[in-house]
Amino acid sequence: MTTALITGSTAGIGAAFARRLAADGHDLVLVARDTKRLREQATELHDRHGIEAEVLTADLAQDSGIESVAARLGDRRNPVDLLINNAGFGNKGRYLDVSMADELKMLKVHCEAVLRLTSAAAEAMRERGRGGVVNVASVAAFVPRGTYGASKAWVVQFTQGAARDLAGSGVRLMALCPGFVRTEFHERAGMGTDNIPGWMWLDADKLVAAALADLARGKAVSIPDPRYKVLLGAAKLVPRGMLGGISSRTGRKYGPQ
């Protein structure tokens, strides 16, 4: 039986990964900031699927939180076979409307934590000759759209480069790039979603199933839905400057309200 560690496990895509991996028989290390929700989640998954679910409370916007998760990933006696770097959030507002403290917090969680946790996991996995890392990015990584998109673009580029460097080691790395997913993400950021067309929404459980299939195929980047593959393919045909204007207007229409 293998063990998967999931950051941001109590809601949204992270919770969907936890449900699917527990159903598949994986033991779990559940990471989030809310100890009560973590314990409730661990109990539910253990009772339903008979797996072991370890709870690790950590705030990845803090060095201490990153360090505690990195230490667990580096534990050779209790190895982690799959890391899901899912923790993340969005800030409401355009550039210069968001405080510098909040911008830096986003970069801490989306970039620094992903770098440090991926490195801790991959080093231990390379020693064993097997393992996988899924870094949750976004389709926002492929369009010029503020700090959120920039941070997710970093996740994609970093993951692709690391995957190439670790080719042949037995360690697989993949950037997962979903579109709009029905989760708590937008509500927590204070973003309105009433104007987002129904066809743009993805189901978290189906997204996770597609992502795990792509990881098994050895893909370095997963865009787990045909609708978004078509949109991003079309975006490549649009000049970069025009794309920036379109994404800005779209962000105002379908993003924070």
C-alpha atoms as a PDB file:
ATOM      1  CA  MET A   1       0.000   0.000   0.000  1.00  0.00           C
ATOM      2  CA  THR A   2       1.362   3.420  -0.985  1.00  0.00           C
ATOM      3  CA  THR A   3       1.029   6.797   0.723  1.00  0.00           C
ATOM      4  CA  ALA A   4      -0.033  10.098  -0.837  1.00  0.00           C
ATOM      5  CA  LEU A   5       0.420  13.531   0.753  1.00  0.00           C
ATOM      6  CA  ILE A   6      -2.082  16.204  -0.290  1.00  0.00           C
ATOM      7  CA  THR A   7      -1.797  19.892   0.585  1.00  0.00           C
ATOM      8  CA  GLY A   8      -5.018  21.863   0.793  1.00  0.00           C
ATOM      9  CA  SER A   9      -6.798  18.543   1.262  1.00  0.00           C
ATOM     10  CA  THR A  10      -9.982  19.638   3.007  1.00  0.00           C
ATOM     11  CA  ALA A  11     -11.746  21.361   0.100  1.00  0.00           C
ATOM     12  CA  GLY A  12     -12.061  21.504  -3.657  1.00  0.00           C
ATOM     13  CA  ILE A  13      -9.558  19.705  -5.856  1.00  0.00           C
ATOM     14  CA  GLY A  14      -7.531  18.585  -2.833  1.00  0.00           C
ATOM     15  CA  ALA A  15     -10.576  16.915  -1.274  1.00  0.00           C
ATOM     16  CA  ALA A  16     -11.374  15.256  -4.610  1.00  0.00           C
ATOM     17  CA  PHE A  17      -7.840  13.836  -4.765  1.00  0.00           C
ATOM     18  CA  ALA A  18      -8.218  12.576  -1.191  1.00  0.00           C
ATOM     19  CA  ARG A  19     -11.518  10.824  -1.993  1.00  0.00           C
ATOM     20  CA  ARG A  20     -10.188   9.187  -5.140  1.00  0.00           C
ATOM     21  CA  LEU A  21      -6.859   8.081  -3.691  1.00  0.00           C
ATOM     22  CA  ALA A  22      -8.506   6.703  -0.537  1.00  0.00           C
ATOM     23  CA  ALA A  23     -11.002   4.798  -2.690  1.00  0.00           C
ATOM     24  CA  ASP A  24      -8.061   3.347  -4.614  1.00  0.00           C
ATOM     25  CA  GLY A  25      -6.544   2.092  -1.349  1.00  0.00           C
ATOM     26  CA  HIS A  26      -3.801   4.654  -0.738  1.00  0.00           C
ATOM     27  CA  ASP A  27      -2.936   5.752   2.778  1.00  0.00           C
ATOM     28  CA  LEU A  28      -2.987   9.540   3.091  1.00  0.00           C
ATOM     29  CA  VAL A  29      -1.211  12.421   4.756  1.00  0.00           C
ATOM     30  CA  LEU A  30      -3.734  15.258   4.822  1.00  0.00           C
ATOM     31  CA  VAL A  31      -2.338  18.804   5.036  1.00  0.00           C
ATOM     32  CA  ALA A  32      -4.284  22.011   5.642  1.00  0.00           C
ATOM     33  CA  ARG A  33      -4.576  24.862   8.157  1.00  0.00           C
ATOM     34  CA  ASP A  34      -7.793  23.778   9.910  1.00  0.00           C
ATOM     35  CA  THR A  35      -7.104  20.940  12.344  1.00  0.00           C
ATOM     36  CA  LYS A  36     -10.790  20.272  13.039  1.00  0.00           C
ATOM     37  CA  ARG A  37     -11.648  19.872   9.352  1.00  0.00           C
ATOM     38  CA  LEU A  38      -8.567  17.696   8.831  1.00  0.00           C
ATOM     39  CA  ARG A  39      -9.557  15.332  11.634  1.00  0.00           C
ATOM     40  CA  GLU A  40     -13.119  15.080  10.367  1.00  0.00           C
ATOM     41  CA  GLN A  41     -11.837  14.343   6.863  1.00  0.00           C
ATOM     42  CA  ALA A  42      -9.348  11.744   8.113  1.00  0.00           C
ATOM     43  CA  THR A  43     -12.028   9.960  10.147  1.00  0.00           C
ATOM     44  CA  GLU A  44     -14.479   9.898   7.254  1.00  0.00           C
ATOM     45  CA  LEU A  45     -11.944   8.517   4.765  1.00  0.00           C
ATOM     46  CA  HIS A  46     -10.673   5.920   7.238  1.00  0.00           C
ATOM     47  CA  ASP A  47     -14.182   4.725   8.106  1.00  0.00           C
ATOM     48  CA  ARG A  48     -15.332   4.624   4.492  1.00  0.00           C
ATOM     49  CA  HIS A  49     -12.279   3.079   2.824  1.00  0.00           C
ATOM     50  CA  GLY A  50     -10.279   1.440   5.629  1.00  0.00           C
ATOM     51  CA  ILE A  51      -7.131   3.397   4.861  1.00  0.00           C
ATOM     52  CA  GLU A  52      -4.827   5.179   7.293  1.00  0.00           C
ATOM     53  CA  ALA A  53      -5.160   8.962   7.186  1.00  0.00           C
ATOM     54  CA  GLU A  54      -2.531  11.037   8.959  1.00  0.00           C
ATOM     55  CA  VAL A  55      -3.268  14.674   9.837  1.00  0.00           C
ATOM     56  CA  LEU A  56      -0.650  17.407   9.469  1.00  0.00           C
ATOM     57  CA  THR A  57      -1.721  20.955  10.274  1.00  0.00           C
ATOM     58  CA  ALA A  58       0.418  23.472   8.389  1.00  0.00           C
ATOM     59  CA  ASP A  59       0.155  26.980   6.952  1.00  0.00           C
ATOM     60  CA  LEU A  60       2.224  27.027   3.769  1.00  0.00           C
ATOM     61  CA  ALA A  61       2.384  30.817   3.865  1.00  0.00           C
ATOM     62  CA  GLN A  62       4.751  30.381   6.835  1.00  0.00           C
ATOM     63  CA  ASP A  63       8.275  28.951   6.822  1.00  0.00           C
ATOM     64  CA  SER A  64       7.402  26.735   9.773  1.00  0.00           C
ATOM     65  CA  GLY A  65       4.503  25.219   7.850  1.00  0.00           C
ATOM     66  CA  ILE A  66       6.600  24.502   4.779  1.00  0.00           C
ATOM     67  CA  GLU A  67       9.359  23.027   6.913  1.00  0.00           C
ATOM     68  CA  SER A  68       7.009  20.654   8.741  1.00  0.00           C
ATOM     69  CA  VAL A  69       5.578  19.295   5.485  1.00  0.00           C
ATOM     70  CA  ALA A  70       9.034  19.039   3.891  1.00  0.00           C
ATOM     71  CA  ALA A  71      10.226  17.044   6.902  1.00  0.00           C
ATOM     72  CA  ARG A  72       7.343  14.599   6.487  1.00  0.00           C
ATOM     73  CA  LEU A  73       8.114  14.214   2.799  1.00  0.00           C
ATOM     74  CA  GLY A  74      11.742  13.492   3.639  1.00  0.00           C
ATOM     75  CA  ASP A  75      10.941  10.791   6.205  1.00  0.00           C
ATOM     76  CA  ARG A  76      12.631   7.686   4.794  1.00  0.00           C
ATOM     77  CA  ARG A  77      11.009   5.377   7.374  1.00  0.00           C
ATOM     78  CA  ASN A  78       7.496   6.379   6.324  1.00  0.00           C
ATOM     79  CA  PRO A  79       7.889   7.255   2.652  1.00  0.00           C
ATOM     80  CA  VAL A  80       5.460   9.299   0.619  1.00  0.00           C
ATOM     81  CA  ASP A  81       4.938   7.862  -2.866  1.00  0.00           C
ATOM     82  CA  LEU A  82       2.762  10.614  -4.326  1.00  0.00           C
ATOM     83  CA  LEU A  83       2.733  14.346  -3.548  1.00  0.00           C
ATOM     84  CA  ILE A  84      -0.207  16.515  -4.583  1.00  0.00           C
ATOM     85  CA  ASN A  85       0.813  20.185  -4.259  1.00  0.00           C
ATOM     86  CA  ASN A  86      -2.687  21.618  -4.310  1.00  0.00           C
ATOM     87  CA  ALA A  87      -2.761  24.399  -1.683  1.00  0.00           C
ATOM     88  CA  GLY A  88      -3.473  27.812  -3.185  1.00  0.00           C
ATOM     89  CA  PHE A  89      -5.778  30.806  -3.257  1.00  0.00           C
ATOM     90  CA  GLY A  90      -6.776  33.858  -5.273  1.00  0.00           C
ATOM     91  CA  ASN A  91      -6.741  37.560  -4.403  1.00  0.00           C
ATOM     92  CA  LYS A  92      -9.658  39.780  -5.343  1.00  0.00           C
ATOM     93  CA  GLY A  93      -8.653  42.861  -7.300  1.00  0.00           C
ATOM     94  CA  ARG A  94      -6.394  44.039 -10.090  1.00  0.00           C
ATOM     95  CA  TYR A  95      -2.682  44.750  -9.854  1.00  0.00           C
ATOM     96  CA  LEU A  96      -1.991  47.558  -7.328  1.00  0.00           C
ATOM     97  CA  ASP A  97      -5.444  47.024  -5.800  1.00  0.00           C
ATOM     98  CA  VAL A  98      -4.095  44.053  -3.830  1.00  0.00           C
ATOM     99  CA  SER A  99      -1.748  44.685  -0.918  1.00  0.00           C
ATOM    100  CA  MET A 100       1.906  43.760  -1.324  1.00  0.00           C
ATOM    101  CA  ALA A 101       1.612  41.496   1.729  1.00  0.00           C
ATOM    102  CA  ASP A 102      -1.138  39.484   0.029  1.00  0.00           C
ATOM    103  CA  GLU A 103       0.798  39.307  -3.257  1.00  0.00           C
ATOM    104  CA  LEU A 104       3.887  37.997  -1.455  1.00  0.00           C
ATOM    105  CA  LYS A 105       1.782  35.494   0.484  1.00  0.00           C
ATOM    106  CA  MET A 106       0.469  34.138  -2.812  1.00  0.00           C
ATOM    107  CA  LEU A 107       3.990  33.739  -4.197  1.00  0.00           C
ATOM    108  CA  LYS A 108       5.030  32.009  -0.967  1.00  0.00           C
ATOM    109  CA  VAL A 109       2.277  29.418  -1.275  1.00  0.00           C
ATOM    110  CA  HIS A 110       2.173  28.999  -5.057  1.00  0.00           C
ATOM    111  CA  CYS A 111       5.904  29.139  -5.806  1.00  0.00           C
ATOM    112  CA  GLU A 112       8.216  28.816  -2.798  1.00  0.00           C
ATOM    113  CA  ALA A 113       6.192  26.099  -1.081  1.00  0.00           C
ATOM    114  CA  VAL A 114       5.818  24.173  -4.346  1.00  0.00           C
ATOM    115  CA  LEU A 115       9.564  24.381  -4.975  1.00  0.00           C
ATOM    116  CA  ARG A 116      10.556  23.291  -1.491  1.00  0.00           C
ATOM    117  CA  LEU A 117       8.000  20.507  -1.144  1.00  0.00           C
ATOM    118  CA  THR A 118       8.614  19.143  -4.628  1.00  0.00           C
ATOM    119  CA  SER A 119      12.344  19.096  -3.934  1.00  0.00           C
ATOM    120  CA  ALA A 120      11.925  17.331  -0.583  1.00  0.00           C
ATOM    121  CA  ALA A 121       9.643  14.709  -2.119  1.00  0.00           C
ATOM    122  CA  ALA A 122      11.610  14.191  -5.335  1.00  0.00           C
ATOM    123  CA  GLU A 123      14.918  13.711  -3.519  1.00  0.00           C
ATOM    124  CA  ALA A 124      13.486  10.905  -1.377  1.00  0.00           C
ATOM    125  CA  MET A 125      11.636   9.400  -4.336  1.00  0.00           C
ATOM    126  CA  ARG A 126      14.740   9.392  -6.535  1.00  0.00           C
ATOM    127  CA  GLU A 127      16.585   7.386  -3.881  1.00  0.00           C
ATOM    128  CA  ARG A 128      13.852   4.723  -4.034  1.00  0.00           C
ATOM    129  CA  GLY A 129      13.599   4.912  -7.819  1.00  0.00           C
ATOM    130  CA  ARG A 130       9.870   5.632  -7.880  1.00  0.00           C
ATOM    131  CA  GLY A 131       7.269   8.254  -7.006  1.00  0.00           C
ATOM    132  CA  GLY A 132       5.125  11.019  -8.415  1.00  0.00           C
ATOM    133  CA  VAL A 133       4.419  14.712  -7.904  1.00  0.00           C
ATOM    134  CA  VAL A 134       1.371  16.610  -9.163  1.00  0.00           C
ATOM    135  CA  ASN A 135       1.672  20.390  -8.931  1.00  0.00           C
ATOM    136  CA  VAL A 136      -1.729  22.022  -9.339  1.00  0.00           C
ATOM    137  CA  ALA A 137      -1.440  25.039 -11.644  1.00  0.00           C
ATOM    138  CA  SER A 138      -4.209  26.543 -13.802  1.00  0.00           C
ATOM    139  CA  VAL A 139      -5.128  27.392 -17.374  1.00  0.00           C
ATOM    140  CA  ALA A 140      -4.482  30.957 -16.154  1.00  0.00           C
ATOM    141  CA  ALA A 141      -0.808  30.041 -16.528  1.00  0.00           C
ATOM    142  CA  PHE A 142      -1.136  30.391 -20.311  1.00  0.00           C
ATOM    143  CA  VAL A 143      -2.621  33.893 -20.501  1.00  0.00           C
ATOM    144  CA  PRO A 144      -1.265  37.222 -19.176  1.00  0.00           C
ATOM    145  CA  ARG A 145      -3.515  37.730 -16.179  1.00  0.00           C
ATOM    146  CA  GLY A 146      -1.911  39.208 -13.063  1.00  0.00           C
ATOM    147  CA  THR A 147      -0.008  37.689 -10.190  1.00  0.00           C
ATOM    148  CA  TYR A 148      -2.184  34.583  -9.968  1.00  0.00           C
ATOM    149  CA  GLY A 149      -1.568  33.633 -13.595  1.00  0.00           C
ATOM    150  CA  ALA A 150       2.124  34.514 -13.289  1.00  0.00           C
ATOM    151  CA  SER A 151       2.549  32.292 -10.245  1.00  0.00           C
ATOM    152  CA  LYS A 152       0.819  29.406 -11.987  1.00  0.00           C
ATOM    153  CA  ALA A 153       2.968  29.940 -15.099  1.00  0.00           C
ATOM    154  CA  TRP A 154       5.976  29.502 -12.827  1.00  0.00           C
ATOM    155  CA  VAL A 155       4.513  26.227 -11.541  1.00  0.00           C
ATOM    156  CA  VAL A 156       4.119  24.913 -15.092  1.00  0.00           C
ATOM    157  CA  GLN A 157       7.613  25.928 -16.217  1.00  0.00           C
ATOM    158  CA  PHE A 158       9.255  24.639 -13.044  1.00  0.00           C
ATOM    159  CA  THR A 159       7.449  21.302 -13.220  1.00  0.00           C
ATOM    160  CA  GLN A 160       8.275  20.754 -16.879  1.00  0.00           C
ATOM    161  CA  GLY A 161      11.941  21.514 -16.281  1.00  0.00           C
ATOM    162  CA  ALA A 162      12.161  19.302 -13.199  1.00  0.00           C
ATOM    163  CA  ALA A 163      10.383  16.475 -15.032  1.00  0.00           C
ATOM    164  CA  ARG A 164      12.934  16.681 -17.821  1.00  0.00           C
ATOM    165  CA  ASP A 165      15.853  16.648 -15.367  1.00  0.00           C
ATOM    166  CA  LEU A 166      14.450  13.606 -13.536  1.00  0.00           C
ATOM    167  CA  ALA A 167      13.600  11.637 -16.671  1.00  0.00           C
ATOM    168  CA  GLY A 168      14.673   8.013 -16.236  1.00  0.00           C
ATOM    169  CA  SER A 169      14.848   8.257 -12.439  1.00  0.00           C
ATOM    170  CA  GLY A 170      11.452   6.666 -11.821  1.00  0.00           C
ATOM    171  CA  VAL A 171      10.049   9.958 -10.504  1.00  0.00           C
ATOM    172  CA  ARG A 172       7.190  11.497 -12.486  1.00  0.00           C
ATOM    173  CA  LEU A 173       6.287  15.177 -12.225  1.00  0.00           C
ATOM    174  CA  MET A 174       3.202  16.753 -13.743  1.00  0.00           C
ATOM    175  CA  ALA A 175       1.611  20.204 -13.727  1.00  0.00           C
ATOM    176  CA  LEU A 176      -2.177  20.008 -13.580  1.00  0.00           C
ATOM    177  CA  CYS A 177      -3.930  22.922 -15.311  1.00  0.00           C
ATOM    178  CA  PRO A 178      -7.676  22.996 -14.672  1.00  0.00           C
ATOM    179  CA  GLY A 179     -10.097  25.731 -15.618  1.00  0.00           C
ATOM    180  CA  PHE A 180     -13.087  26.798 -13.508  1.00  0.00           C
ATOM    181  CA  VAL A 181     -13.881  24.063 -10.977  1.00  0.00           C
ATOM    182  CA  ARG A 182     -16.848  24.054  -8.616  1.00  0.00           C
ATOM    183  CA  THR A 183     -15.049  24.405  -5.278  1.00  0.00           C
ATOM    184  CA  GLU A 184     -14.751  26.888  -2.384  1.00  0.00           C
ATOM    185  CA  PHE A 185     -11.932  28.712  -4.205  1.00  0.00           C
ATOM    186  CA  HIS A 186     -13.908  31.646  -5.605  1.00  0.00           C
ATOM    187  CA  GLU A 187     -16.038  32.103  -2.497  1.00  0.00           C
ATOM    188  CA  ARG A 188     -12.965  32.294  -0.269  1.00  0.00           C
ATOM    189  CA  ALA A 189     -11.446  34.933  -2.544  1.00  0.00           C
ATOM    190  CA  GLY A 190     -14.655  36.968  -2.561  1.00  0.00           C
ATOM    191  CA  MET A 191     -15.080  36.416  -6.294  1.00  0.00           C
ATOM    192  CA  GLY A 192     -18.499  36.366  -7.908  1.00  0.00           C
ATOM    193  CA  THR A 193     -19.217  33.438 -10.226  1.00  0.00           C
ATOM    194  CA  ASP A 194     -22.751  34.138 -11.430  1.00  0.00           C
ATOM    195  CA  ASN A 195     -21.501  35.412 -14.792  1.00  0.00           C
ATOM    196  CA  ILE A 196     -19.385  32.346 -15.601  1.00  0.00           C
ATOM    197  CA  PRO A 197     -21.088  30.265 -18.332  1.00  0.00           C
ATOM    198  CA  GLY A 198     -22.188  26.812 -17.235  1.00  0.00           C
ATOM    199  CA  TRP A 199     -20.131  25.062 -19.920  1.00  0.00           C
ATOM    200  CA  MET A 200     -16.894  26.428 -18.424  1.00  0.00           C
ATOM    201  CA  TRP A 201     -17.345  24.635 -15.091  1.00  0.00           C
ATOM    202  CA  LEU A 202     -15.530  21.354 -14.414  1.00  0.00           C
ATOM    203  CA  ASP A 203     -16.387  18.618 -11.928  1.00  0.00           C
ATOM    204  CA  ALA A 204     -13.594  18.101  -9.384  1.00  0.00           C
ATOM    205  CA  ASP A 205     -13.912  14.311  -9.231  1.00  0.00           C
ATOM    206  CA  LYS A 206     -13.810  13.922 -13.022  1.00  0.00           C
ATOM    207  CA  LEU A 207     -10.874  16.324 -13.168  1.00  0.00           C
ATOM    208  CA  VAL A 208      -8.920  14.211 -10.667  1.00  0.00           C
ATOM    209  CA  ALA A 209      -9.648  11.005 -12.576  1.00  0.00           C
ATOM    210  CA  ALA A 210      -8.336  12.584 -15.789  1.00  0.00           C
ATOM    211  CA  ALA A 211      -5.287  13.987 -13.985  1.00  0.00           C
ATOM    212  CA  LEU A 212      -4.296  10.631 -12.502  1.00  0.00           C
ATOM    213  CA  ALA A 213      -4.696   9.004 -15.912  1.00  0.00           C
ATOM    214  CA  ASP A 214      -2.404  11.643 -17.439  1.00  0.00           C
ATOM    215  CA  LEU A 215       0.159  11.096 -14.668  1.00  0.00           C
ATOM    216  CA  ALA A 216       0.131   7.354 -15.378  1.00  0.00           C
ATOM    217  CA  ARG A 217       0.744   8.137 -19.066  1.00  0.00           C
ATOM    218  CA  GLY A 218       3.815  10.165 -18.130  1.00  0.00           C
ATOM    219  CA  LYS A 219       2.516  13.573 -19.178  1.00  0.00           C
ATOM    220  CA  ALA A 220       4.388  16.585 -17.812  1.00  0.00           C
ATOM    221  CA  VAL A 221       1.401  18.919 -18.295  1.00  0.00           C
ATOM    222  CA  SER A 222      -2.247  17.923 -17.941  1.00  0.00           C
ATOM    223  CA  ILE A 223      -5.138  20.016 -19.256  1.00  0.00           C
ATOM    224  CA  PRO A 224      -7.840  17.559 -18.195  1.00  0.00           C
ATOM    225  CA  ASP A 225     -10.785  18.585 -20.335  1.00  0.00           C
ATOM    226  CA  PRO A 226     -11.338  18.871 -24.097  1.00  0.00           C
ATOM    227  CA  ARG A 227     -13.110  22.238 -23.741  1.00  0.00           C
ATOM    228  CA  TYR A 228     -10.069  23.918 -22.258  1.00  0.00           C
ATOM    229  CA  LYS A 229      -7.698  22.182 -24.659  1.00  0.00           C
ATOM    230  CA  VAL A 230      -9.632  23.769 -27.518  1.00  0.00           C
ATOM    231  CA  LEU A 231      -9.633  27.195 -25.833  1.00  0.00           C
ATOM    232  CA  LEU A 232      -5.893  27.113 -25.199  1.00  0.00           C
ATOM    233  CA  GLY A 233      -5.210  25.881 -28.705  1.00  0.00           C
ATOM    234  CA  ALA A 234      -7.156  28.837 -30.065  1.00  0.00           C
ATOM    235  CA  ALA A 235      -5.336  31.204 -27.711  1.00  0.00           C
ATOM    236  CA  LYS A 236      -2.011  30.243 -29.314  1.00  0.00           C
ATOM    237  CA  LEU A 237      -3.254  31.753 -32.588  1.00  0.00           C
ATOM    238  CA  VAL A 238      -4.006  35.149 -31.020  1.00  0.00           C
ATOM    239  CA  PRO A 239      -1.199  37.764 -30.867  1.00  0.00           C
ATOM    240  CA  ARG A 240       0.206  38.142 -27.338  1.00  0.00           C
ATOM    241  CA  GLY A 241      -0.797  41.801 -26.994  1.00  0.00           C
ATOM    242  CA  MET A 242      -4.351  41.124 -28.095  1.00  0.00           C
ATOM    243  CA  LEU A 243      -4.509  38.109 -25.792  1.00  0.00           C
ATOM    244  CA  GLY A 244      -3.566  40.316 -22.851  1.00  0.00           C
ATOM    245  CA  GLY A 245      -6.472  42.642 -23.574  1.00  0.00           C
ATOM    246  CA  ILE A 246      -8.904  39.751 -24.011  1.00  0.00           C
ATOM    247  CA  SER A 247      -7.816  38.057 -20.784  1.00  0.00           C
ATOM    248  CA  SER A 248      -8.084  41.323 -18.880  1.00  0.00           C
ATOM    249  CA  ARG A 249     -11.635  41.941 -20.104  1.00  0.00           C
ATOM    250  CA  THR A 250     -12.569  38.312 -19.507  1.00  0.00           C
ATOM    251  CA  GLY A 251     -11.125  38.489 -16.008  1.00  0.00           C
ATOM    252  CA  ARG A 252     -13.279  41.507 -15.213  1.00  0.00           C
ATOM    253  CA  LYS A 253     -16.345  39.729 -16.625  1.00  0.00           C
ATOM    254  CA  TYR A 254     -15.833  36.256 -15.197  1.00  0.00           C
ATOM    255  CA  GLY A 255     -13.415  36.878 -12.318  1.00  0.00           C
ATOM    256  CA  PRO A 256     -13.644  39.007  -9.163  1.00  0.00           C
ATOM    257  CA  GLN A 257     -16.905  40.913  -8.827  1.00  0.00           C
END
